[in-house]
Amino acid sequence: NEIMQRFTAAADDPRGYLQQIIYLDGKAIASNGHIMIWMDGAGTNDSD
């Protein structure tokens, strides 16, 4: 979480869902819209 959190969007970004680690297709993903990092094996529940 600490490593991936560095790649999330700033606290004032209107896209609130990018301010935290998100999950999709079994991956944990962090992005601010310009850079994105992910890793496999992060569960099956996708973020909204």
All heavy atoms as atom14 arrays in JSON, in Angstrom:
{
  "sequence": "NEIMQRFTAAADDPRGYLQQIIYLDGKAIASNGHIMIWMDGAGTNDSD",
  "atom14_mask": [
    [1, 1, 1, 1, 1, 1, 1, 1, 0, 0, 0, 0, 0, 0],
    [1, 1, 1, 1, 1, 1, 1, 1, 1, 0, 0, 0, 0, 0],
    [1, 1, 1, 1, 1, 1, 1, 1, 0, 0, 0, 0, 0, 0],
    [1, 1, 1, 1, 1, 1, 1, 1, 0, 0, 0, 0, 0, 0],
    [1, 1, 1, 1, 1, 1, 1, 1, 1, 0, 0, 0, 0, 0],
    [1, 1, 1, 1, 1, 1, 1, 1, 1, 1, 1, 0, 0, 0],
    [1, 1, 1, 1, 1, 1, 1, 1, 1, 1, 1, 0, 0, 0],
    [1, 1, 1, 1, 1, 1, 1, 0, 0, 0, 0, 0, 0, 0],
    [1, 1, 1, 1, 1, 0, 0, 0, 0, 0, 0, 0, 0, 0],
    [1, 1, 1, 1, 1, 0, 0, 0, 0, 0, 0, 0, 0, 0],
    [1, 1, 1, 1, 1, 0, 0, 0, 0, 0, 0, 0, 0, 0],
    [1, 1, 1, 1, 1, 1, 1, 1, 0, 0, 0, 0, 0, 0],
    [1, 1, 1, 1, 1, 1, 1, 1, 0, 0, 0, 0, 0, 0],
    [1, 1, 1, 1, 1, 1, 1, 0, 0, 0, 0, 0, 0, 0],
    [1, 1, 1, 1, 1, 1, 1, 1, 1, 1, 1, 0, 0, 0],
    [1, 1, 1, 1, 0, 0, 0, 0, 0, 0, 0, 0, 0, 0],
    [1, 1, 1, 1, 1, 1, 1, 1, 1, 1, 1, 1, 0, 0],
    [1, 1, 1, 1, 1, 1, 1, 1, 0, 0, 0, 0, 0, 0],
    [1, 1, 1, 1, 1, 1, 1, 1, 1, 0, 0, 0, 0, 0],
    [1, 1, 1, 1, 1, 1, 1, 1, 1, 0, 0, 0, 0, 0],
    [1, 1, 1, 1, 1, 1, 1, 1, 0, 0, 0, 0, 0, 0],
    [1, 1, 1, 1, 1, 1, 1, 1, 0, 0, 0, 0, 0, 0],
    [1, 1, 1, 1, 1, 1, 1, 1, 1, 1, 1, 1, 0, 0],
    [1, 1, 1, 1, 1, 1, 1, 1, 0, 0, 0, 0, 0, 0],
    [1, 1, 1, 1, 1, 1, 1, 1, 0, 0, 0, 0, 0, 0],
    [1, 1, 1, 1, 0, 0, 0, 0, 0, 0, 0, 0, 0, 0],
    [1, 1, 1, 1, 1, 1, 1, 1, 1, 0, 0, 0, 0, 0],
    [1, 1, 1, 1, 1, 0, 0, 0, 0, 0, 0, 0, 0, 0],
    [1, 1, 1, 1, 1, 1, 1, 1, 0, 0, 0, 0, 0, 0],
    [1, 1, 1, 1, 1, 0, 0, 0, 0, 0, 0, 0, 0, 0],
    [1, 1, 1, 1, 1, 1, 0, 0, 0, 0, 0, 0, 0, 0],
    [1, 1, 1, 1, 1, 1, 1, 1, 0, 0, 0, 0, 0, 0],
    [1, 1, 1, 1, 0, 0, 0, 0, 0, 0, 0, 0, 0, 0],
    [1, 1, 1, 1, 1, 1, 1, 1, 1, 1, 0, 0, 0, 0],
    [1, 1, 1, 1, 1, 1, 1, 1, 0, 0, 0, 0, 0, 0],
    [1, 1, 1, 1, 1, 1, 1, 1, 0, 0, 0, 0, 0, 0],
    [1, 1, 1, 1, 1, 1, 1, 1, 0, 0, 0, 0, 0, 0],
    [1, 1, 1, 1, 1, 1, 1, 1, 1, 1, 1, 1, 1, 1],
    [1, 1, 1, 1, 1, 1, 1, 1, 0, 0, 0, 0, 0, 0],
    [1, 1, 1, 1, 1, 1, 1, 1, 0, 0, 0, 0, 0, 0],
    [1, 1, 1, 1, 0, 0, 0, 0, 0, 0, 0, 0, 0, 0],
    [1, 1, 1, 1, 1, 0, 0, 0, 0, 0, 0, 0, 0, 0],
    [1, 1, 1, 1, 0, 0, 0, 0, 0, 0, 0, 0, 0, 0],
    [1, 1, 1, 1, 1, 1, 1, 0, 0, 0, 0, 0, 0, 0],
    [1, 1, 1, 1, 1, 1, 1, 1, 0, 0, 0, 0, 0, 0],
    [1, 1, 1, 1, 1, 1, 1, 1, 0, 0, 0, 0, 0, 0],
    [1, 1, 1, 1, 1, 1, 0, 0, 0, 0, 0, 0, 0, 0],
    [1, 1, 1, 1, 1, 1, 1, 1, 0, 0, 0, 0, 0, 0]
  ],
  "atom14_positions": [
    [[0.81, -1.21, 0.0], [0.0, 0.0, 0.0], [0.84, 1.26, 0.0], [0.55, 2.23, -0.7], [-0.94, -0.01, 1.2], [-2.09, -0.99, 1.04], [-2.2, -1.63, 0.0], [-2.91, -1.11, 2.04], [0.0, 0.0, 0.0], [0.0, 0.0, 0.0], [0.0, 0.0, 0.0], [0.0, 0.0, 0.0], [0.0, 0.0, 0.0], [0.0, 0.0, 0.0]],
    [[1.9, 1.28, 0.8], [2.74, 2.48, 0.9], [3.4, 2.79, -0.44], [3.47, 3.95, -0.86], [3.8, 2.29, 1.98], [4.7, 3.5, 2.16], [5.76, 3.29, 3.22], [5.66, 2.31, 4.0], [6.7, 4.11, 3.27], [0.0, 0.0, 0.0], [0.0, 0.0, 0.0], [0.0, 0.0, 0.0], [0.0, 0.0, 0.0], [0.0, 0.0, 0.0]],
    [[3.9, 1.77, -1.11], [4.56, 1.97, -2.4], [3.57, 2.44, -3.44], [3.8, 3.43, -4.15], [5.25, 0.67, -2.86], [6.43, 0.34, -1.95], [5.7, 0.78, -4.31], [7.1, -0.98, -2.25], [0.0, 0.0, 0.0], [0.0, 0.0, 0.0], [0.0, 0.0, 0.0], [0.0, 0.0, 0.0], [0.0, 0.0, 0.0], [0.0, 0.0, 0.0]],
    [[2.44, 1.78, -3.55], [1.48, 2.11, -4.59], [0.78, 3.44, -4.32], [0.39, 4.14, -5.26], [0.46, 0.98, -4.74], [1.08, -0.33, -5.2], [-0.14, -1.56, -5.7], [-0.76, -0.86, -7.22], [0.0, 0.0, 0.0], [0.0, 0.0, 0.0], [0.0, 0.0, 0.0], [0.0, 0.0, 0.0], [0.0, 0.0, 0.0], [0.0, 0.0, 0.0]],
    [[0.64, 3.81, -3.05], [-0.03, 5.05, -2.72], [0.71, 6.26, -3.29], [0.11, 7.31, -3.55], [-0.16, 5.18, -1.2], [-1.19, 6.21, -0.75], [-2.61, 5.82, -1.12], [-3.01, 4.67, -0.98], [-3.39, 6.8, -1.59], [0.0, 0.0, 0.0], [0.0, 0.0, 0.0], [0.0, 0.0, 0.0], [0.0, 0.0, 0.0], [0.0, 0.0, 0.0]],
    [[2.01, 6.13, -3.53], [2.78, 7.24, -4.1], [2.32, 7.58, -5.51], [2.6, 8.66, -6.01], [4.27, 6.87, -4.16], [4.9, 6.49, -2.84], [6.32, 6.0, -3.08], [6.87, 5.27, -1.95], [7.96, 4.53, -2.01], [8.62, 4.42, -3.15], [8.4, 3.89, -0.94], [0.0, 0.0, 0.0], [0.0, 0.0, 0.0], [0.0, 0.0, 0.0]],
    [[1.63, 6.65, -6.16], [1.22, 6.85, -7.55], [-0.24, 7.29, -7.68], [-0.72, 7.46, -8.79], [1.43, 5.56, -8.35], [2.88, 5.17, -8.5], [3.57, 4.53, -7.48], [3.57, 5.47, -9.67], [4.91, 4.17, -7.62], [4.9, 5.13, -9.82], [5.58, 4.47, -8.79], [0.0, 0.0, 0.0], [0.0, 0.0, 0.0], [0.0, 0.0, 0.0]],
    [[-0.93, 7.46, -6.56], [-2.33, 7.87, -6.61], [-2.45, 9.37, -6.85], [-1.47, 10.11, -6.78], [-3.06, 7.5, -5.31], [-2.37, 8.11, -4.2], [-3.09, 5.99, -5.11], [0.0, 0.0, 0.0], [0.0, 0.0, 0.0], [0.0, 0.0, 0.0], [0.0, 0.0, 0.0], [0.0, 0.0, 0.0], [0.0, 0.0, 0.0], [0.0, 0.0, 0.0]],
    [[-3.68, 9.82, -7.12], [-3.93, 11.23, -7.4], [-3.87, 12.06, -6.11], [-4.01, 11.53, -5.0], [-5.3, 11.39, -8.07], [0.0, 0.0, 0.0], [0.0, 0.0, 0.0], [0.0, 0.0, 0.0], [0.0, 0.0, 0.0], [0.0, 0.0, 0.0], [0.0, 0.0, 0.0], [0.0, 0.0, 0.0], [0.0, 0.0, 0.0], [0.0, 0.0, 0.0]],
    [[-3.66, 13.36, -6.27], [-3.59, 14.27, -5.14], [-4.94, 14.36, -4.42], [-6.0, 14.05, -4.99], [-3.16, 15.66, -5.61], [0.0, 0.0, 0.0], [0.0, 0.0, 0.0], [0.0, 0.0, 0.0], [0.0, 0.0, 0.0], [0.0, 0.0, 0.0], [0.0, 0.0, 0.0], [0.0, 0.0, 0.0], [0.0, 0.0, 0.0], [0.0, 0.0, 0.0]],
    [[-4.9, 14.8, -3.17], [-6.11, 14.85, -2.35], [-7.17, 15.79, -2.91], [-8.36, 15.63, -2.63], [-5.75, 15.26, -0.93], [0.0, 0.0, 0.0], [0.0, 0.0, 0.0], [0.0, 0.0, 0.0], [0.0, 0.0, 0.0], [0.0, 0.0, 0.0], [0.0, 0.0, 0.0], [0.0, 0.0, 0.0], [0.0, 0.0, 0.0], [0.0, 0.0, 0.0]],
    [[-6.76, 16.79, -3.7], [-7.74, 17.73, -4.25], [-8.16, 17.37, -5.67], [-8.87, 18.13, -6.33], [-7.18, 19.17, -4.23], [-5.92, 19.31, -5.07], [-5.36, 18.28, -5.5], [-5.47, 20.46, -5.27], [0.0, 0.0, 0.0], [0.0, 0.0, 0.0], [0.0, 0.0, 0.0], [0.0, 0.0, 0.0], [0.0, 0.0, 0.0], [0.0, 0.0, 0.0]],
    [[-7.76, 16.19, -6.15], [-8.16, 15.76, -7.49], [-9.65, 15.46, -7.49], [-10.14, 14.73, -6.62], [-7.36, 14.51, -7.89], [-7.49, 14.19, -9.38], [-8.62, 13.92, -9.83], [-6.47, 14.21, -10.08], [0.0, 0.0, 0.0], [0.0, 0.0, 0.0], [0.0, 0.0, 0.0], [0.0, 0.0, 0.0], [0.0, 0.0, 0.0], [0.0, 0.0, 0.0]],
    [[-10.41, 16.02, -8.44], [-11.86, 15.78, -8.45], [-12.24, 14.32, -8.69], [-13.36, 13.92, -8.39], [-12.36, 16.67, -9.59], [-11.16, 16.91, -10.46], [-10.0, 16.92, -9.52], [0.0, 0.0, 0.0], [0.0, 0.0, 0.0], [0.0, 0.0, 0.0], [0.0, 0.0, 0.0], [0.0, 0.0, 0.0], [0.0, 0.0, 0.0], [0.0, 0.0, 0.0]],
    [[-11.31, 13.53, -9.22], [-11.58, 12.1, -9.43], [-11.22, 11.35, -8.15], [-10.15, 10.78, -8.01], [-10.78, 11.58, -10.61], [-11.05, 12.28, -11.93], [-9.95, 12.04, -12.94], [-8.66, 12.55, -12.46], [-7.53, 12.42, -13.12], [-7.5, 11.82, -14.29], [-6.4, 12.9, -12.61], [0.0, 0.0, 0.0], [0.0, 0.0, 0.0], [0.0, 0.0, 0.0]],
    [[-12.14, 11.37, -7.21], [-11.86, 10.81, -5.89], [-11.45, 9.35, -5.92], [-10.67, 8.9, -5.08], [0.0, 0.0, 0.0], [0.0, 0.0, 0.0], [0.0, 0.0, 0.0], [0.0, 0.0, 0.0], [0.0, 0.0, 0.0], [0.0, 0.0, 0.0], [0.0, 0.0, 0.0], [0.0, 0.0, 0.0], [0.0, 0.0, 0.0], [0.0, 0.0, 0.0]],
    [[-11.95, 8.61, -6.9], [-11.62, 7.18, -6.98], [-10.15, 6.95, -7.28], [-9.63, 5.85, -7.05], [-12.49, 6.49, -8.03], [-12.48, 7.14, -9.39], [-11.54, 6.8, -10.35], [-13.41, 8.13, -9.71], [-11.52, 7.41, -11.59], [-13.41, 8.74, -10.96], [-12.46, 8.38, -11.89], [-12.43, 8.98, -13.11], [0.0, 0.0, 0.0], [0.0, 0.0, 0.0]],
    [[-9.43, 7.96, -7.81], [-8.0, 7.82, -8.08], [-7.13, 8.23, -6.9], [-5.91, 8.14, -6.97], [-7.59, 8.65, -9.31], [-8.14, 8.18, -10.66], [-7.58, 9.04, -11.78], [-7.81, 6.71, -10.91], [0.0, 0.0, 0.0], [0.0, 0.0, 0.0], [0.0, 0.0, 0.0], [0.0, 0.0, 0.0], [0.0, 0.0, 0.0], [0.0, 0.0, 0.0]],
    [[-7.74, 8.66, -5.81], [-6.99, 9.05, -4.63], [-6.62, 7.85, -3.77], [-5.98, 7.99, -2.73], [-7.78, 10.06, -3.81], [-8.03, 11.37, -4.52], [-8.97, 12.28, -3.75], [-9.25, 12.05, -2.57], [-9.47, 13.31, -4.39], [0.0, 0.0, 0.0], [0.0, 0.0, 0.0], [0.0, 0.0, 0.0], [0.0, 0.0, 0.0], [0.0, 0.0, 0.0]],
    [[-7.02, 6.68, -4.18], [-6.74, 5.47, -3.41], [-6.42, 4.33, -4.38], [-6.61, 4.44, -5.58], [-7.96, 5.1, -2.58], [-9.22, 4.92, -3.41], [-10.48, 4.88, -2.58], [-10.42, 4.69, -1.37], [-11.63, 5.03, -3.21], [0.0, 0.0, 0.0], [0.0, 0.0, 0.0], [0.0, 0.0, 0.0], [0.0, 0.0, 0.0], [0.0, 0.0, 0.0]],
    [[-5.91, 3.25, -3.83], [-5.63, 2.07, -4.64], [-6.96, 1.46, -5.09], [-7.9, 1.34, -4.3], [-4.81, 1.05, -3.83], [-3.44, 1.65, -3.48], [-4.62, -0.24, -4.62], [-2.65, 0.82, -2.5], [0.0, 0.0, 0.0], [0.0, 0.0, 0.0], [0.0, 0.0, 0.0], [0.0, 0.0, 0.0], [0.0, 0.0, 0.0], [0.0, 0.0, 0.0]],
    [[-7.04, 1.11, -6.36], [-8.27, 0.54, -6.9], [-8.0, -0.9, -7.35], [-6.84, -1.3, -7.52], [-8.82, 1.37, -8.07], [-7.77, 1.54, -9.17], [-9.27, 2.74, -7.57], [-8.22, 2.38, -10.35], [0.0, 0.0, 0.0], [0.0, 0.0, 0.0], [0.0, 0.0, 0.0], [0.0, 0.0, 0.0], [0.0, 0.0, 0.0], [0.0, 0.0, 0.0]],
    [[-9.07, -1.65, -7.55], [-8.94, -3.07, -7.89], [-9.78, -3.38, -9.12], [-10.94, -2.98, -9.22], [-9.38, -3.94, -6.7], [-8.53, -3.7, -5.47], [-8.88, -2.7, -4.55], [-7.36, -4.41, -5.26], [-8.09, -2.45, -3.44], [-6.57, -4.18, -4.14], [-6.94, -3.19, -3.24], [-6.13, -2.94, -2.16], [0.0, 0.0, 0.0], [0.0, 0.0, 0.0]],
    [[-9.16, -4.09, -10.05], [-9.85, -4.45, -11.29], [-9.2, -5.69, -11.9], [-7.97, -5.75, -12.0], [-9.79, -3.29, -12.29], [-10.5, -3.48, -13.62], [-12.01, -3.54, -13.42], [-10.15, -2.35, -14.59], [0.0, 0.0, 0.0], [0.0, 0.0, 0.0], [0.0, 0.0, 0.0], [0.0, 0.0, 0.0], [0.0, 0.0, 0.0], [0.0, 0.0, 0.0]],
    [[-10.02, -6.66, -12.27], [-9.54, -7.86, -12.95], [-8.42, -8.57, -12.18], [-7.45, -9.05, -12.76], [-9.05, -7.52, -14.36], [-10.14, -6.9, -15.22], [-11.33, -7.14, -14.94], [-9.8, -6.18, -16.18], [0.0, 0.0, 0.0], [0.0, 0.0, 0.0], [0.0, 0.0, 0.0], [0.0, 0.0, 0.0], [0.0, 0.0, 0.0], [0.0, 0.0, 0.0]],
    [[-8.54, -8.61, -10.85], [-7.55, -9.31, -10.04], [-6.25, -8.54, -9.85], [-5.26, -9.12, -9.4], [0.0, 0.0, 0.0], [0.0, 0.0, 0.0], [0.0, 0.0, 0.0], [0.0, 0.0, 0.0], [0.0, 0.0, 0.0], [0.0, 0.0, 0.0], [0.0, 0.0, 0.0], [0.0, 0.0, 0.0], [0.0, 0.0, 0.0], [0.0, 0.0, 0.0]],
    [[-6.25, -7.27, -10.17], [-5.05, -6.44, -10.03], [-5.3, -5.3, -9.05], [-6.4, -4.75, -8.98], [-4.63, -5.85, -11.38], [-4.16, -6.87, -12.4], [-3.82, -6.19, -13.73], [-3.18, -7.15, -14.71], [-4.03, -8.3, -15.03], [0.0, 0.0, 0.0], [0.0, 0.0, 0.0], [0.0, 0.0, 0.0], [0.0, 0.0, 0.0], [0.0, 0.0, 0.0]],
    [[-4.25, -4.94, -8.3], [-4.26, -3.71, -7.51], [-3.61, -2.64, -8.37], [-2.54, -2.86, -8.94], [-3.49, -3.89, -6.21], [0.0, 0.0, 0.0], [0.0, 0.0, 0.0], [0.0, 0.0, 0.0], [0.0, 0.0, 0.0], [0.0, 0.0, 0.0], [0.0, 0.0, 0.0], [0.0, 0.0, 0.0], [0.0, 0.0, 0.0], [0.0, 0.0, 0.0]],
    [[-4.25, -1.47, -8.47], [-3.83, -0.44, -9.41], [-3.81, 0.91, -8.72], [-4.69, 1.23, -7.92], [-4.81, -0.38, -10.62], [-4.9, -1.74, -11.3], [-4.39, 0.71, -11.6], [-6.14, -1.91, -12.15], [0.0, 0.0, 0.0], [0.0, 0.0, 0.0], [0.0, 0.0, 0.0], [0.0, 0.0, 0.0], [0.0, 0.0, 0.0], [0.0, 0.0, 0.0]],
    [[-2.8, 1.7, -9.03], [-2.73, 3.08, -8.53], [-2.37, 3.98, -9.7], [-1.47, 3.68, -10.48], [-1.7, 3.21, -7.42], [0.0, 0.0, 0.0], [0.0, 0.0, 0.0], [0.0, 0.0, 0.0], [0.0, 0.0, 0.0], [0.0, 0.0, 0.0], [0.0, 0.0, 0.0], [0.0, 0.0, 0.0], [0.0, 0.0, 0.0], [0.0, 0.0, 0.0]],
    [[-3.08, 5.11, -9.81], [-2.83, 6.01, -10.93], [-3.28, 7.42, -10.59], [-4.21, 7.62, -9.8], [-3.6, 5.52, -12.16], [-3.47, 6.44, -13.24], [0.0, 0.0, 0.0], [0.0, 0.0, 0.0], [0.0, 0.0, 0.0], [0.0, 0.0, 0.0], [0.0, 0.0, 0.0], [0.0, 0.0, 0.0], [0.0, 0.0, 0.0], [0.0, 0.0, 0.0]],
    [[-2.63, 8.41, -11.2], [-3.09, 9.79, -11.1], [-3.58, 10.3, -12.46], [-3.85, 11.48, -12.63], [-1.99, 10.7, -10.55], [-0.82, 10.85, -11.52], [-0.81, 10.29, -12.63], [0.19, 11.58, -11.1], [0.0, 0.0, 0.0], [0.0, 0.0, 0.0], [0.0, 0.0, 0.0], [0.0, 0.0, 0.0], [0.0, 0.0, 0.0], [0.0, 0.0, 0.0]],
    [[-3.69, 9.39, -13.43], [-4.12, 9.77, -14.76], [-2.98, 9.96, -15.74], [-3.19, 9.94, -16.95], [0.0, 0.0, 0.0], [0.0, 0.0, 0.0], [0.0, 0.0, 0.0], [0.0, 0.0, 0.0], [0.0, 0.0, 0.0], [0.0, 0.0, 0.0], [0.0, 0.0, 0.0], [0.0, 0.0, 0.0], [0.0, 0.0, 0.0], [0.0, 0.0, 0.0]],
    [[-1.75, 10.14, -15.22], [-0.57, 10.3, -16.07], [0.39, 9.12, -15.94], [1.11, 8.79, -16.88], [0.16, 11.6, -15.72], [-0.64, 12.83, -15.95], [-0.85, 13.36, -17.2], [-1.32, 13.63, -15.09], [-1.6, 14.44, -17.1], [-1.92, 14.62, -15.83], [0.0, 0.0, 0.0], [0.0, 0.0, 0.0], [0.0, 0.0, 0.0], [0.0, 0.0, 0.0]],
    [[0.41, 8.54, -14.75], [1.27, 7.39, -14.5], [0.43, 6.34, -13.77], [-0.46, 6.68, -12.99], [2.51, 7.79, -13.67], [3.5, 6.64, -13.56], [2.11, 8.32, -12.3], [4.86, 7.05, -12.98], [0.0, 0.0, 0.0], [0.0, 0.0, 0.0], [0.0, 0.0, 0.0], [0.0, 0.0, 0.0], [0.0, 0.0, 0.0], [0.0, 0.0, 0.0]],
    [[0.69, 5.08, -14.04], [-0.09, 4.0, -13.45], [0.82, 2.84, -13.1], [1.74, 2.51, -13.86], [-1.19, 3.55, -14.41], [-2.11, 2.48, -13.84], [-3.58, 2.18, -14.88], [-2.84, 1.28, -16.24], [0.0, 0.0, 0.0], [0.0, 0.0, 0.0], [0.0, 0.0, 0.0], [0.0, 0.0, 0.0], [0.0, 0.0, 0.0], [0.0, 0.0, 0.0]],
    [[0.57, 2.23, -11.95], [1.32, 1.05, -11.52], [0.32, -0.01, -11.08], [-0.75, 0.32, -10.58], [2.3, 1.42, -10.37], [3.22, 0.25, -10.05], [1.55, 1.9, -9.15], [4.32, 0.6, -9.05], [0.0, 0.0, 0.0], [0.0, 0.0, 0.0], [0.0, 0.0, 0.0], [0.0, 0.0, 0.0], [0.0, 0.0, 0.0], [0.0, 0.0, 0.0]],
    [[0.67, -1.28, -11.29], [-0.25, -2.34, -10.88], [0.52, -3.59, -10.52], [1.71, -3.74, -10.83], [-1.26, -2.64, -11.98], [-0.7, -3.18, -13.26], [-0.43, -4.49, -13.57], [-0.29, -2.41, -14.41], [0.08, -4.59, -14.84], [0.18, -3.33, -15.38], [-0.29, -1.05, -14.72], [0.66, -2.93, -16.62], [0.19, -0.65, -15.96], [0.65, -1.58, -16.89]],
    [[-0.17, -4.5, -9.84], [0.39, -5.81, -9.52], [-0.73, -6.82, -9.53], [-1.89, -6.51, -9.28], [1.09, -5.79, -8.16], [0.2, -5.45, -6.99], [1.01, -5.71, -5.39], [1.05, -7.5, -5.34], [0.0, 0.0, 0.0], [0.0, 0.0, 0.0], [0.0, 0.0, 0.0], [0.0, 0.0, 0.0], [0.0, 0.0, 0.0], [0.0, 0.0, 0.0]],
    [[-0.4, -8.05, -9.87], [-1.38, -9.13, -9.95], [-1.66, -9.74, -8.58], [-0.96, -9.47, -7.6], [-0.89, -10.23, -10.9], [-0.89, -9.78, -12.35], [-1.81, -9.05, -12.73], [0.05, -10.15, -13.09], [0.0, 0.0, 0.0], [0.0, 0.0, 0.0], [0.0, 0.0, 0.0], [0.0, 0.0, 0.0], [0.0, 0.0, 0.0], [0.0, 0.0, 0.0]],
    [[-2.7, -10.58, -8.54], [-3.02, -11.35, -7.34], [-3.57, -10.52, -6.21], [-3.17, -10.68, -5.06], [0.0, 0.0, 0.0], [0.0, 0.0, 0.0], [0.0, 0.0, 0.0], [0.0, 0.0, 0.0], [0.0, 0.0, 0.0], [0.0, 0.0, 0.0], [0.0, 0.0, 0.0], [0.0, 0.0, 0.0], [0.0, 0.0, 0.0], [0.0, 0.0, 0.0]],
    [[-4.49, -9.59, -6.54], [-5.0, -8.67, -5.52], [-6.49, -8.85, -5.26], [-7.2, -7.9, -5.0], [-4.71, -7.23, -5.95], [0.0, 0.0, 0.0], [0.0, 0.0, 0.0], [0.0, 0.0, 0.0], [0.0, 0.0, 0.0], [0.0, 0.0, 0.0], [0.0, 0.0, 0.0], [0.0, 0.0, 0.0], [0.0, 0.0, 0.0], [0.0, 0.0, 0.0]],
    [[-6.99, -10.08, -5.33], [-8.39, -10.32, -5.01], [-9.29, -10.28, -6.23], [-8.86, -10.04, -7.36], [0.0, 0.0, 0.0], [0.0, 0.0, 0.0], [0.0, 0.0, 0.0], [0.0, 0.0, 0.0], [0.0, 0.0, 0.0], [0.0, 0.0, 0.0], [0.0, 0.0, 0.0], [0.0, 0.0, 0.0], [0.0, 0.0, 0.0], [0.0, 0.0, 0.0]],
    [[-10.59, -10.48, -5.98], [-11.55, -10.59, -7.09], [-12.63, -9.52, -7.05], [-13.46, -9.46, -7.96], [-12.22, -11.97, -7.06], [-12.86, -12.16, -5.79], [-11.2, -13.07, -7.28], [0.0, 0.0, 0.0], [0.0, 0.0, 0.0], [0.0, 0.0, 0.0], [0.0, 0.0, 0.0], [0.0, 0.0, 0.0], [0.0, 0.0, 0.0], [0.0, 0.0, 0.0]],
    [[-12.67, -8.69, -6.02], [-13.7, -7.67, -5.9], [-13.25, -6.38, -6.6], [-12.33, -5.7, -6.15], [-14.02, -7.38, -4.44], [-14.63, -8.57, -3.74], [-15.4, -9.31, -4.33], [-14.28, -8.76, -2.47], [0.0, 0.0, 0.0], [0.0, 0.0, 0.0], [0.0, 0.0, 0.0], [0.0, 0.0, 0.0], [0.0, 0.0, 0.0], [0.0, 0.0, 0.0]],
    [[-13.91, -6.06, -7.73], [-13.55, -4.87, -8.49], [-14.06, -3.6, -7.81], [-15.14, -3.59, -7.21], [-14.12, -4.94, -9.9], [-13.43, -5.98, -10.75], [-12.38, -6.5, -10.32], [-13.92, -6.28, -11.86], [0.0, 0.0, 0.0], [0.0, 0.0, 0.0], [0.0, 0.0, 0.0], [0.0, 0.0, 0.0], [0.0, 0.0, 0.0], [0.0, 0.0, 0.0]],
    [[-13.29, -2.51, -7.92], [-13.72, -1.22, -7.41], [-14.83, -0.66, -8.29], [-14.97, -1.02, -9.45], [-12.54, -0.23, -7.4], [-11.48, -0.7, -6.58], [0.0, 0.0, 0.0], [0.0, 0.0, 0.0], [0.0, 0.0, 0.0], [0.0, 0.0, 0.0], [0.0, 0.0, 0.0], [0.0, 0.0, 0.0], [0.0, 0.0, 0.0], [0.0, 0.0, 0.0]],
    [[-15.63, 0.23, -7.7], [-16.7, 0.9, -8.44], [-16.08, 2.07, -9.21], [-15.73, 3.09, -8.62], [-17.77, 1.39, -7.47], [-18.97, 1.99, -8.19], [-19.11, 1.76, -9.41], [-19.76, 2.7, -7.53], [0.0, 0.0, 0.0], [0.0, 0.0, 0.0], [0.0, 0.0, 0.0], [0.0, 0.0, 0.0], [0.0, 0.0, 0.0], [0.0, 0.0, 0.0]]
  ]
}
